[in-house]
Amino acid sequence: MSDRKYRQRGYQDDERDRRPKGEKKPAPPKERAPGRVLQDERGPKTPNLMAAHEVFRCARCGNLLSLSVGRLDGCAKCGVDLHSCIQCASFDTSATWECAQSASLPSRVSPKDEHNTCTMFTPRTTIERQTGSPASGSNGNAGGSSSSNTARRAFDDLFK
């Protein structure tokens, strides 16, 4: 009697059960040639990543701003106060009083988009990839024709 309920052949069979009688054991596998080489004598290959930089953008209009924020500074484009809750790294709409640091706040700060005197304010920064060339500038040009010409020239160069 078998110790298994079903007798069909499968993964639990021993090697001797799979081989027909009289057949020899298979030879051990030969050493394989190396596959795709990920490194050479200089070390591992590094991916070709774009450069990244830390930026501070206005929460209302997305205007690029300097990382140093004074207490009375405002956005040059839309005029919203920069030293406010919506510009802070601790601003969290799901937290108590909409602040991740709410345990140390004496009371709720309202409205969130106006100037306040919070001592825990730190500008909300993000890491962005530098996708444009340094000559074109990351702030955008006032004359959009030169940037569109550059983009058009780059597109046309793809098909040469």
C-alpha atoms as a PDB file:
ATOM      1  CA  MET A   1       0.000   0.000   0.000  1.00  0.00           C
ATOM      2  CA  SER A   2       1.259   3.480  -0.806  1.00  0.00           C
ATOM      3  CA  ASP A   3       1.628   6.284   1.717  1.00  0.00           C
ATOM      4  CA  ARG A   4       0.015   8.655  -0.783  1.00  0.00           C
ATOM      5  CA  LYS A   5      -3.659   8.794  -1.539  1.00  0.00           C
ATOM      6  CA  TYR A   6      -3.267   9.045  -5.335  1.00  0.00           C
ATOM      7  CA  ARG A   7      -0.663   7.213  -7.403  1.00  0.00           C
ATOM      8  CA  GLN A   8      -0.292   9.508 -10.432  1.00  0.00           C
ATOM      9  CA  ARG A   9       3.216  10.693 -11.216  1.00  0.00           C
ATOM     10  CA  GLY A  10       4.145  14.151 -10.058  1.00  0.00           C
ATOM     11  CA  TYR A  11       6.548  16.328  -8.159  1.00  0.00           C
ATOM     12  CA  GLN A  12       6.653  14.074  -5.096  1.00  0.00           C
ATOM     13  CA  ASP A  13       8.004  11.072  -6.988  1.00  0.00           C
ATOM     14  CA  ASP A  14      11.594  10.058  -6.379  1.00  0.00           C
ATOM     15  CA  GLU A  15      14.134  10.212  -9.193  1.00  0.00           C
ATOM     16  CA  ARG A  16      14.316   6.429  -9.292  1.00  0.00           C
ATOM     17  CA  ASP A  17      10.572   6.274  -9.922  1.00  0.00           C
ATOM     18  CA  ARG A  18      10.794   8.606 -12.924  1.00  0.00           C
ATOM     19  CA  ARG A  19      13.646   6.823 -14.727  1.00  0.00           C
ATOM     20  CA  PRO A  20      12.868   3.650 -16.654  1.00  0.00           C
ATOM     21  CA  LYS A  21      14.693   0.564 -15.416  1.00  0.00           C
ATOM     22  CA  GLY A  22      18.202   0.082 -16.714  1.00  0.00           C
ATOM     23  CA  GLU A  23      18.805   3.744 -17.535  1.00  0.00           C
ATOM     24  CA  LYS A  24      21.882   5.383 -16.017  1.00  0.00           C
ATOM     25  CA  LYS A  25      21.833   8.426 -13.755  1.00  0.00           C
ATOM     26  CA  PRO A  26      22.085  11.708 -15.658  1.00  0.00           C
ATOM     27  CA  ALA A  27      25.470  13.424 -15.753  1.00  0.00           C
ATOM     28  CA  PRO A  28      25.936  16.407 -13.443  1.00  0.00           C
ATOM     29  CA  PRO A  29      25.179  19.727 -15.170  1.00  0.00           C
ATOM     30  CA  LYS A  30      28.083  21.481 -16.844  1.00  0.00           C
ATOM     31  CA  GLU A  31      29.159  24.901 -15.698  1.00  0.00           C
ATOM     32  CA  ARG A  32      27.152  27.512 -17.506  1.00  0.00           C
ATOM     33  CA  ALA A  33      28.700  30.339 -19.369  1.00  0.00           C
ATOM     34  CA  PRO A  34      28.075  33.637 -17.606  1.00  0.00           C
ATOM     35  CA  GLY A  35      24.933  35.416 -18.714  1.00  0.00           C
ATOM     36  CA  ARG A  36      24.543  39.143 -19.006  1.00  0.00           C
ATOM     37  CA  VAL A  37      27.485  40.806 -17.321  1.00  0.00           C
ATOM     38  CA  LEU A  38      26.411  43.635 -15.028  1.00  0.00           C
ATOM     39  CA  GLN A  39      29.881  44.790 -14.183  1.00  0.00           C
ATOM     40  CA  ASP A  40      33.372  44.846 -15.574  1.00  0.00           C
ATOM     41  CA  GLU A  41      36.800  45.433 -14.042  1.00  0.00           C
ATOM     42  CA  ARG A  42      35.807  49.025 -13.188  1.00  0.00           C
ATOM     43  CA  GLY A  43      32.872  47.902 -11.035  1.00  0.00           C
ATOM     44  CA  PRO A  44      29.090  47.756 -11.412  1.00  0.00           C
ATOM     45  CA  LYS A  45      27.347  49.719 -14.136  1.00  0.00           C
ATOM     46  CA  THR A  46      25.501  52.753 -12.929  1.00  0.00           C
ATOM     47  CA  PRO A  47      22.284  53.866 -14.560  1.00  0.00           C
ATOM     48  CA  ASN A  48      22.332  57.078 -16.541  1.00  0.00           C
ATOM     49  CA  LEU A  49      20.038  59.180 -14.356  1.00  0.00           C
ATOM     50  CA  MET A  50      19.071  62.774 -14.852  1.00  0.00           C
ATOM     51  CA  ALA A  51      20.337  65.251 -12.307  1.00  0.00           C
ATOM     52  CA  ALA A  52      17.925  66.205  -9.533  1.00  0.00           C
ATOM     53  CA  HIS A  53      17.634  69.302  -7.385  1.00  0.00           C
ATOM     54  CA  GLU A  54      15.549  70.492  -4.456  1.00  0.00           C
ATOM     55  CA  VAL A  55      12.978  73.179  -5.249  1.00  0.00           C
ATOM     56  CA  PHE A  56      10.361  75.197  -3.369  1.00  0.00           C
ATOM     57  CA  ARG A  57       7.196  75.966  -5.318  1.00  0.00           C
ATOM     58  CA  CYS A  58       4.188  78.081  -4.396  1.00  0.00           C
ATOM     59  CA  ALA A  59       1.300  75.875  -3.233  1.00  0.00           C
ATOM     60  CA  ARG A  60      -1.232  78.040  -5.108  1.00  0.00           C
ATOM     61  CA  CYS A  61       0.312  78.748  -8.514  1.00  0.00           C
ATOM     62  CA  GLY A  62       3.400  76.491  -8.687  1.00  0.00           C
ATOM     63  CA  ASN A  63       5.823  79.376  -9.193  1.00  0.00           C
ATOM     64  CA  LEU A  64       9.468  78.456  -8.497  1.00  0.00           C
ATOM     65  CA  LEU A  65      10.679  80.273  -5.352  1.00  0.00           C
ATOM     66  CA  SER A  66      13.933  80.565  -3.401  1.00  0.00           C
ATOM     67  CA  LEU A  67      14.488  78.116  -0.526  1.00  0.00           C
ATOM     68  CA  SER A  68      15.028  80.887   2.016  1.00  0.00           C
ATOM     69  CA  VAL A  69      11.654  82.259   3.129  1.00  0.00           C
ATOM     70  CA  GLY A  70      11.342  85.424   5.194  1.00  0.00           C
ATOM     71  CA  ARG A  71       8.427  86.031   7.569  1.00  0.00           C
ATOM     72  CA  LEU A  72       6.816  88.679   5.335  1.00  0.00           C
ATOM     73  CA  ASP A  73       7.645  87.241   1.894  1.00  0.00           C
ATOM     74  CA  GLY A  74       4.963  86.604  -0.693  1.00  0.00           C
ATOM     75  CA  CYS A  75       4.762  84.851  -4.037  1.00  0.00           C
ATOM     76  CA  ALA A  76       5.776  87.160  -6.874  1.00  0.00           C
ATOM     77  CA  LYS A  77       3.215  85.622  -9.230  1.00  0.00           C
ATOM     78  CA  CYS A  78       0.001  85.189  -7.181  1.00  0.00           C
ATOM     79  CA  GLY A  79       0.778  87.203  -4.026  1.00  0.00           C
ATOM     80  CA  VAL A  80      -0.032  84.499  -1.434  1.00  0.00           C
ATOM     81  CA  ASP A  81       1.972  84.681   1.814  1.00  0.00           C
ATOM     82  CA  LEU A  82       4.894  82.256   1.845  1.00  0.00           C
ATOM     83  CA  HIS A  83       5.136  81.981   5.648  1.00  0.00           C
ATOM     84  CA  SER A  84       1.781  80.223   5.926  1.00  0.00           C
ATOM     85  CA  CYS A  85       0.511  76.737   6.707  1.00  0.00           C
ATOM     86  CA  ILE A  86      -0.131  75.685   3.105  1.00  0.00           C
ATOM     87  CA  GLN A  87       3.543  76.330   2.249  1.00  0.00           C
ATOM     88  CA  CYS A  88       4.850  74.358   5.276  1.00  0.00           C
ATOM     89  CA  ALA A  89       6.288  70.835   5.180  1.00  0.00           C
ATOM     90  CA  SER A  90       4.180  69.913   8.243  1.00  0.00           C
ATOM     91  CA  PHE A  91       0.871  70.820   6.559  1.00  0.00           C
ATOM     92  CA  ASP A  92      -1.271  67.662   6.536  1.00  0.00           C
ATOM     93  CA  THR A  93      -5.018  67.799   5.912  1.00  0.00           C
ATOM     94  CA  SER A  94      -5.596  64.448   7.625  1.00  0.00           C
ATOM     95  CA  ALA A  95      -3.852  65.400  10.899  1.00  0.00           C
ATOM     96  CA  THR A  96      -5.330  67.197  13.897  1.00  0.00           C
ATOM     97  CA  TRP A  97      -5.570  70.941  13.173  1.00  0.00           C
ATOM     98  CA  GLU A  98      -4.153  70.102   9.707  1.00  0.00           C
ATOM     99  CA  CYS A  99      -0.585  69.995  11.037  1.00  0.00           C
ATOM    100  CA  ALA A 100       1.758  67.043  11.542  1.00  0.00           C
ATOM    101  CA  GLN A 101       3.293  68.948  14.490  1.00  0.00           C
ATOM    102  CA  SER A 102      -0.114  69.509  16.134  1.00  0.00           C
ATOM    103  CA  ALA A 103       1.014  68.035  19.476  1.00  0.00           C
ATOM    104  CA  SER A 104       3.088  71.149  20.127  1.00  0.00           C
ATOM    105  CA  LEU A 105       0.526  73.679  18.835  1.00  0.00           C
ATOM    106  CA  PRO A 106      -1.470  75.570  21.489  1.00  0.00           C
ATOM    107  CA  SER A 107      -4.459  76.134  19.159  1.00  0.00           C
ATOM    108  CA  ARG A 108      -5.628  75.727  15.576  1.00  0.00           C
ATOM    109  CA  VAL A 109      -4.154  78.184  13.067  1.00  0.00           C
ATOM    110  CA  SER A 110      -6.773  79.532  10.691  1.00  0.00           C
ATOM    111  CA  PRO A 111      -6.917  80.485   7.800  1.00  0.00           C
ATOM    112  CA  LYS A 112      -4.188  78.265   6.390  1.00  0.00           C
ATOM    113  CA  ASP A 113      -3.211  80.468   3.433  1.00  0.00           C
ATOM    114  CA  GLU A 114      -2.516  83.681   5.360  1.00  0.00           C
ATOM    115  CA  HIS A 115       0.632  84.825   7.135  1.00  0.00           C
ATOM    116  CA  ASN A 116       1.241  83.314  10.587  1.00  0.00           C
ATOM    117  CA  THR A 117       3.977  83.395  13.205  1.00  0.00           C
ATOM    118  CA  CYS A 118       4.425  79.646  13.647  1.00  0.00           C
ATOM    119  CA  THR A 119       7.925  78.835  14.879  1.00  0.00           C
ATOM    120  CA  MET A 120       7.869  75.315  13.390  1.00  0.00           C
ATOM    121  CA  PHE A 121       7.533  76.551   9.790  1.00  0.00           C
ATOM    122  CA  THR A 122       9.803  74.902   7.229  1.00  0.00           C
ATOM    123  CA  PRO A 123       9.235  75.373   3.490  1.00  0.00           C
ATOM    124  CA  ARG A 124       7.744  72.377   1.669  1.00  0.00           C
ATOM    125  CA  THR A 125      10.392  71.324  -0.827  1.00  0.00           C
ATOM    126  CA  THR A 126      10.349  68.654  -3.495  1.00  0.00           C
ATOM    127  CA  ILE A 127      13.053  66.891  -5.466  1.00  0.00           C
ATOM    128  CA  GLU A 128      12.649  67.462  -9.199  1.00  0.00           C
ATOM    129  CA  ARG A 129      14.578  66.085 -12.143  1.00  0.00           C
ATOM    130  CA  GLN A 130      16.479  68.565 -14.278  1.00  0.00           C
ATOM    131  CA  THR A 131      15.012  67.778 -17.665  1.00  0.00           C
ATOM    132  CA  GLY A 132      15.936  70.989 -19.464  1.00  0.00           C
ATOM    133  CA  SER A 133      19.342  72.204 -20.495  1.00  0.00           C
ATOM    134  CA  PRO A 134      21.005  74.725 -18.169  1.00  0.00           C
ATOM    135  CA  ALA A 135      21.086  77.347 -20.947  1.00  0.00           C
ATOM    136  CA  SER A 136      17.299  77.423 -21.275  1.00  0.00           C
ATOM    137  CA  GLY A 137      16.820  78.065 -17.555  1.00  0.00           C
ATOM    138  CA  SER A 138      14.438  76.324 -15.190  1.00  0.00           C
ATOM    139  CA  ASN A 139      12.246  79.361 -14.482  1.00  0.00           C
ATOM    140  CA  GLY A 140      10.840  79.595 -18.005  1.00  0.00           C
ATOM    141  CA  ASN A 141      11.321  82.398 -20.453  1.00  0.00           C
ATOM    142  CA  ALA A 142       9.217  85.507 -20.767  1.00  0.00           C
ATOM    143  CA  GLY A 143       9.481  85.211 -24.557  1.00  0.00           C
ATOM    144  CA  GLY A 144       8.035  81.759 -25.244  1.00  0.00           C
ATOM    145  CA  SER A 145       9.227  81.767 -28.876  1.00  0.00           C
ATOM    146  CA  SER A 146      12.861  80.902 -28.094  1.00  0.00           C
ATOM    147  CA  SER A 147      11.894  77.948 -25.892  1.00  0.00           C
ATOM    148  CA  SER A 148       9.418  76.681 -28.503  1.00  0.00           C
ATOM    149  CA  ASN A 149      12.096  76.998 -31.211  1.00  0.00           C
ATOM    150  CA  THR A 150      14.484  74.968 -29.089  1.00  0.00           C
ATOM    151  CA  ALA A 151      11.874  72.287 -28.526  1.00  0.00           C
ATOM    152  CA  ARG A 152      10.970  72.243 -32.223  1.00  0.00           C
ATOM    153  CA  ARG A 153      14.634  71.927 -33.206  1.00  0.00           C
ATOM    154  CA  ALA A 154      15.121  69.041 -30.760  1.00  0.00           C
ATOM    155  CA  PHE A 155      12.044  67.297 -32.202  1.00  0.00           C
ATOM    156  CA  ASP A 156      13.253  67.752 -35.773  1.00  0.00           C
ATOM    157  CA  ASP A 157      16.699  66.410 -34.833  1.00  0.00           C
ATOM    158  CA  LEU A 158      15.104  63.103 -33.859  1.00  0.00           C
ATOM    159  CA  PHE A 159      14.208  62.366 -37.477  1.00  0.00           C
ATOM    160  CA  LYS A 160      17.483  63.324 -39.196  1.00  0.00           C
END
